[in-house]
Amino acid sequence: MYETSATVEYAGFWIRLVAWVIDAFVLAIPNWIISAVFMGGTALATDLENNPYAMMAAMSGSIGLTSLINLLYKSILESSSWQATIGKKALNLKVTDEQGHRISFLRSLGRTLATFISAFILFIGYIMAAFSSRKQALHDKIASTLVVKTR
């Protein structure tokens, strides 16, 4: 358990949802730029309407790169000294292991990848945070992590 004499306050479903929305806005900027470059750059070289393969290649490249950026954004920031994405930091939340320590990049990467499972099962993995005693979503349980409020 958490190695501290202070009371730990776990971050619940709604505050984590707000943090996710903030992060979605933060990530929308590079994602939009990447999509514009891939789709606009390809449109200059070829007529996308007449070449479905070029369209699919541009979309695949765009989706692949934005997915990688989203994955690295969460994994790097949550394993950094911040222990939080920009959205979590704005709301005074941080990600820890179950003892309250900073998590490694690999654990953070695993946690981020596990969010796909939480989403894939009709977002039930996320909703679990509303009913868990330590407010853990499925991906938190898989990675043995907590999201806690900071002072």
C-alpha atoms as a PDB file:
ATOM      1  CA  MET A   1       0.000   0.000   0.000  1.00  0.00           C
ATOM      2  CA  TYR A   2       0.838   3.691  -0.081  1.00  0.00           C
ATOM      3  CA  GLU A   3       3.915   4.377   2.069  1.00  0.00           C
ATOM      4  CA  THR A   4       2.952   7.644   3.721  1.00  0.00           C
ATOM      5  CA  SER A   5       1.375   8.871   6.910  1.00  0.00           C
ATOM      6  CA  ALA A   6      -0.623  11.466   4.981  1.00  0.00           C
ATOM      7  CA  THR A   7      -4.072  10.648   3.710  1.00  0.00           C
ATOM      8  CA  VAL A   8      -4.116   9.728   0.052  1.00  0.00           C
ATOM      9  CA  GLU A   9      -6.926  11.148  -2.042  1.00  0.00           C
ATOM     10  CA  TYR A  10      -7.581   9.147  -5.188  1.00  0.00           C
ATOM     11  CA  ALA A  11      -8.708  10.883  -8.365  1.00  0.00           C
ATOM     12  CA  GLY A  12     -12.192   9.827  -9.367  1.00  0.00           C
ATOM     13  CA  PHE A  13     -13.822   9.278 -12.721  1.00  0.00           C
ATOM     14  CA  TRP A  14     -15.060  12.824 -13.396  1.00  0.00           C
ATOM     15  CA  ILE A  15     -11.848  14.712 -12.634  1.00  0.00           C
ATOM     16  CA  ARG A  16      -9.921  12.188 -14.719  1.00  0.00           C
ATOM     17  CA  LEU A  17     -12.395  12.734 -17.568  1.00  0.00           C
ATOM     18  CA  VAL A  18     -11.784  16.491 -17.409  1.00  0.00           C
ATOM     19  CA  ALA A  19      -8.009  15.854 -17.497  1.00  0.00           C
ATOM     20  CA  TRP A  20      -8.532  13.639 -20.555  1.00  0.00           C
ATOM     21  CA  VAL A  21     -10.499  16.405 -22.294  1.00  0.00           C
ATOM     22  CA  ILE A  22      -7.693  18.907 -21.613  1.00  0.00           C
ATOM     23  CA  ASP A  23      -5.170  16.436 -23.027  1.00  0.00           C
ATOM     24  CA  ALA A  24      -7.371  15.892 -26.077  1.00  0.00           C
ATOM     25  CA  PHE A  25      -7.243  19.635 -26.779  1.00  0.00           C
ATOM     26  CA  VAL A  26      -3.463  19.715 -26.245  1.00  0.00           C
ATOM     27  CA  LEU A  27      -2.972  16.758 -28.612  1.00  0.00           C
ATOM     28  CA  ALA A  28      -5.411  18.136 -31.199  1.00  0.00           C
ATOM     29  CA  ILE A  29      -2.852  20.739 -32.268  1.00  0.00           C
ATOM     30  CA  PRO A  30      -0.021  18.392 -33.344  1.00  0.00           C
ATOM     31  CA  ASN A  31      -2.548  15.837 -34.597  1.00  0.00           C
ATOM     32  CA  TRP A  32      -4.188  18.444 -36.824  1.00  0.00           C
ATOM     33  CA  ILE A  33      -0.811  19.619 -38.167  1.00  0.00           C
ATOM     34  CA  ILE A  34       0.280  16.056 -38.938  1.00  0.00           C
ATOM     35  CA  SER A  35      -3.003  15.273 -40.666  1.00  0.00           C
ATOM     36  CA  ALA A  36      -2.778  18.471 -42.718  1.00  0.00           C
ATOM     37  CA  VAL A  37       0.791  17.693 -43.766  1.00  0.00           C
ATOM     38  CA  PHE A  38       0.017  14.098 -44.722  1.00  0.00           C
ATOM     39  CA  MET A  39      -3.239  14.826 -46.514  1.00  0.00           C
ATOM     40  CA  GLY A  40      -2.220  18.197 -47.968  1.00  0.00           C
ATOM     41  CA  GLY A  41       1.261  17.028 -48.949  1.00  0.00           C
ATOM     42  CA  THR A  42      -0.124  13.975 -50.703  1.00  0.00           C
ATOM     43  CA  ALA A  43      -2.792  16.070 -52.432  1.00  0.00           C
ATOM     44  CA  LEU A  44      -0.059  18.207 -53.963  1.00  0.00           C
ATOM     45  CA  ALA A  45       1.693  15.147 -55.387  1.00  0.00           C
ATOM     46  CA  THR A  46      -1.340  13.246 -56.592  1.00  0.00           C
ATOM     47  CA  ASP A  47      -5.086  13.555 -56.947  1.00  0.00           C
ATOM     48  CA  LEU A  48      -6.396  11.716 -53.859  1.00  0.00           C
ATOM     49  CA  GLU A  49      -9.913  11.436 -55.255  1.00  0.00           C
ATOM     50  CA  ASN A  50      -8.680   9.448 -58.226  1.00  0.00           C
ATOM     51  CA  ASN A  51      -6.103   7.371 -56.382  1.00  0.00           C
ATOM     52  CA  PRO A  52      -7.581   5.461 -53.431  1.00  0.00           C
ATOM     53  CA  TYR A  53      -4.208   3.870 -52.663  1.00  0.00           C
ATOM     54  CA  ALA A  54      -2.601   7.276 -52.182  1.00  0.00           C
ATOM     55  CA  MET A  55      -5.508   8.286 -49.964  1.00  0.00           C
ATOM     56  CA  MET A  56      -5.145   5.125 -47.852  1.00  0.00           C
ATOM     57  CA  ALA A  57      -1.371   5.609 -47.591  1.00  0.00           C
ATOM     58  CA  ALA A  58      -1.781   9.219 -46.476  1.00  0.00           C
ATOM     59  CA  MET A  59      -4.457   8.305 -43.921  1.00  0.00           C
ATOM     60  CA  SER A  60      -2.435   5.351 -42.598  1.00  0.00           C
ATOM     61  CA  GLY A  61       0.657   7.494 -42.214  1.00  0.00           C
ATOM     62  CA  SER A  62      -1.292  10.218 -40.484  1.00  0.00           C
ATOM     63  CA  ILE A  63      -3.054   7.818 -38.107  1.00  0.00           C
ATOM     64  CA  GLY A  64       0.169   5.958 -37.370  1.00  0.00           C
ATOM     65  CA  LEU A  65       2.157   9.092 -36.553  1.00  0.00           C
ATOM     66  CA  THR A  66      -0.578  10.707 -34.453  1.00  0.00           C
ATOM     67  CA  SER A  67      -1.050   7.429 -32.553  1.00  0.00           C
ATOM     68  CA  LEU A  68       2.675   7.295 -31.835  1.00  0.00           C
ATOM     69  CA  ILE A  69       2.669  10.901 -30.617  1.00  0.00           C
ATOM     70  CA  ASN A  70      -0.328  10.248 -28.345  1.00  0.00           C
ATOM     71  CA  LEU A  71       1.336   7.109 -26.956  1.00  0.00           C
ATOM     72  CA  LEU A  72       4.644   8.863 -26.288  1.00  0.00           C
ATOM     73  CA  TYR A  73       2.954  11.995 -24.881  1.00  0.00           C
ATOM     74  CA  LYS A  74       1.238  10.029 -22.129  1.00  0.00           C
ATOM     75  CA  SER A  75       4.049   7.564 -21.490  1.00  0.00           C
ATOM     76  CA  ILE A  76       6.825  10.146 -21.284  1.00  0.00           C
ATOM     77  CA  LEU A  77       4.941  12.717 -19.208  1.00  0.00           C
ATOM     78  CA  GLU A  78       3.449  10.237 -16.732  1.00  0.00           C
ATOM     79  CA  SER A  79       6.891   8.709 -16.101  1.00  0.00           C
ATOM     80  CA  SER A  80       8.592  12.122 -15.883  1.00  0.00           C
ATOM     81  CA  SER A  81       9.152  14.141 -12.711  1.00  0.00           C
ATOM     82  CA  TRP A  82       5.695  15.662 -13.351  1.00  0.00           C
ATOM     83  CA  GLN A  83       4.097  12.195 -13.116  1.00  0.00           C
ATOM     84  CA  ALA A  84       1.237  13.657 -15.123  1.00  0.00           C
ATOM     85  CA  THR A  85       0.105  14.727 -18.546  1.00  0.00           C
ATOM     86  CA  ILE A  86      -0.673  18.419 -19.027  1.00  0.00           C
ATOM     87  CA  GLY A  87      -4.357  17.733 -18.283  1.00  0.00           C
ATOM     88  CA  LYS A  88      -3.581  15.873 -15.065  1.00  0.00           C
ATOM     89  CA  LYS A  89      -1.010  18.487 -14.026  1.00  0.00           C
ATOM     90  CA  ALA A  90      -3.563  21.275 -14.565  1.00  0.00           C
ATOM     91  CA  LEU A  91      -5.919  19.493 -12.153  1.00  0.00           C
ATOM     92  CA  ASN A  92      -3.219  18.605  -9.584  1.00  0.00           C
ATOM     93  CA  LEU A  93      -3.266  14.875 -10.304  1.00  0.00           C
ATOM     94  CA  LYS A  94      -0.371  12.493 -10.677  1.00  0.00           C
ATOM     95  CA  VAL A  95       0.195   8.852 -11.599  1.00  0.00           C
ATOM     96  CA  THR A  96       2.043   6.660  -9.096  1.00  0.00           C
ATOM     97  CA  ASP A  97       2.667   3.004  -8.470  1.00  0.00           C
ATOM     98  CA  GLU A  98       0.683   1.408  -5.650  1.00  0.00           C
ATOM     99  CA  GLN A  99       3.341   2.454  -3.117  1.00  0.00           C
ATOM    100  CA  GLY A 100       3.180   6.092  -4.190  1.00  0.00           C
ATOM    101  CA  HIS A 101       6.406   6.140  -6.203  1.00  0.00           C
ATOM    102  CA  ARG A 102       7.037   7.500  -9.657  1.00  0.00           C
ATOM    103  CA  ILE A 103       6.511   4.904 -12.376  1.00  0.00           C
ATOM    104  CA  SER A 104       9.065   3.887 -14.994  1.00  0.00           C
ATOM    105  CA  PHE A 105       8.704   4.661 -18.675  1.00  0.00           C
ATOM    106  CA  LEU A 106       8.006   0.985 -19.442  1.00  0.00           C
ATOM    107  CA  ARG A 107       5.242   0.785 -16.839  1.00  0.00           C
ATOM    108  CA  SER A 108       3.794   4.027 -18.156  1.00  0.00           C
ATOM    109  CA  LEU A 109       3.954   2.678 -21.704  1.00  0.00           C
ATOM    110  CA  GLY A 110       2.188  -0.505 -20.571  1.00  0.00           C
ATOM    111  CA  ARG A 111      -0.461   1.564 -18.785  1.00  0.00           C
ATOM    112  CA  THR A 112      -0.997   3.677 -21.889  1.00  0.00           C
ATOM    113  CA  LEU A 113      -1.290   0.603 -24.107  1.00  0.00           C
ATOM    114  CA  ALA A 114      -3.744  -0.915 -21.622  1.00  0.00           C
ATOM    115  CA  THR A 115      -6.025   2.115 -22.122  1.00  0.00           C
ATOM    116  CA  PHE A 116      -6.867   0.590 -25.513  1.00  0.00           C
ATOM    117  CA  ILE A 117      -8.354  -2.389 -23.650  1.00  0.00           C
ATOM    118  CA  SER A 118     -10.288  -0.022 -21.357  1.00  0.00           C
ATOM    119  CA  ALA A 119     -11.712   1.730 -24.410  1.00  0.00           C
ATOM    120  CA  PHE A 120     -12.262  -1.368 -26.550  1.00  0.00           C
ATOM    121  CA  ILE A 121     -14.707  -2.930 -24.071  1.00  0.00           C
ATOM    122  CA  LEU A 122     -17.204  -0.095 -24.513  1.00  0.00           C
ATOM    123  CA  PHE A 123     -15.209   2.174 -22.165  1.00  0.00           C
ATOM    124  CA  ILE A 124     -16.172  -0.023 -19.216  1.00  0.00           C
ATOM    125  CA  GLY A 125     -12.491  -0.117 -18.262  1.00  0.00           C
ATOM    126  CA  TYR A 126     -12.616   3.640 -17.687  1.00  0.00           C
ATOM    127  CA  ILE A 127     -15.962   3.533 -15.881  1.00  0.00           C
ATOM    128  CA  MET A 128     -14.474   1.044 -13.396  1.00  0.00           C
ATOM    129  CA  ALA A 129     -12.695   4.025 -11.776  1.00  0.00           C
ATOM    130  CA  ALA A 130     -16.063   5.262 -10.523  1.00  0.00           C
ATOM    131  CA  PHE A 131     -16.682   2.047  -8.570  1.00  0.00           C
ATOM    132  CA  SER A 132     -13.223   0.944  -7.411  1.00  0.00           C
ATOM    133  CA  SER A 133     -12.185   1.651  -3.801  1.00  0.00           C
ATOM    134  CA  ARG A 134      -8.938   3.259  -4.988  1.00  0.00           C
ATOM    135  CA  LYS A 135     -10.643   4.685  -8.096  1.00  0.00           C
ATOM    136  CA  GLN A 136      -8.574   2.513 -10.441  1.00  0.00           C
ATOM    137  CA  ALA A 137      -9.594   2.071 -14.055  1.00  0.00           C
ATOM    138  CA  LEU A 138      -8.853  -1.248 -15.753  1.00  0.00           C
ATOM    139  CA  HIS A 139      -5.579   0.061 -17.184  1.00  0.00           C
ATOM    140  CA  ASP A 140      -4.528   1.151 -13.677  1.00  0.00           C
ATOM    141  CA  LYS A 141      -5.229  -2.315 -12.333  1.00  0.00           C
ATOM    142  CA  ILE A 142      -3.286  -3.915 -15.198  1.00  0.00           C
ATOM    143  CA  ALA A 143      -0.277  -1.625 -14.637  1.00  0.00           C
ATOM    144  CA  SER A 144      -0.616  -1.534 -10.810  1.00  0.00           C
ATOM    145  CA  THR A 145      -0.893   2.254 -10.795  1.00  0.00           C
ATOM    146  CA  LEU A 146      -2.952   4.900  -9.039  1.00  0.00           C
ATOM    147  CA  VAL A 147      -4.025   8.403  -9.995  1.00  0.00           C
ATOM    148  CA  VAL A 148      -3.923  10.598  -6.903  1.00  0.00           C
ATOM    149  CA  LYS A 149      -4.613  14.208  -6.083  1.00  0.00           C
ATOM    150  CA  THR A 150      -1.627  16.330  -5.091  1.00  0.00           C
ATOM    151  CA  ARG A 151      -1.630  19.143  -2.597  1.00  0.00           C
END
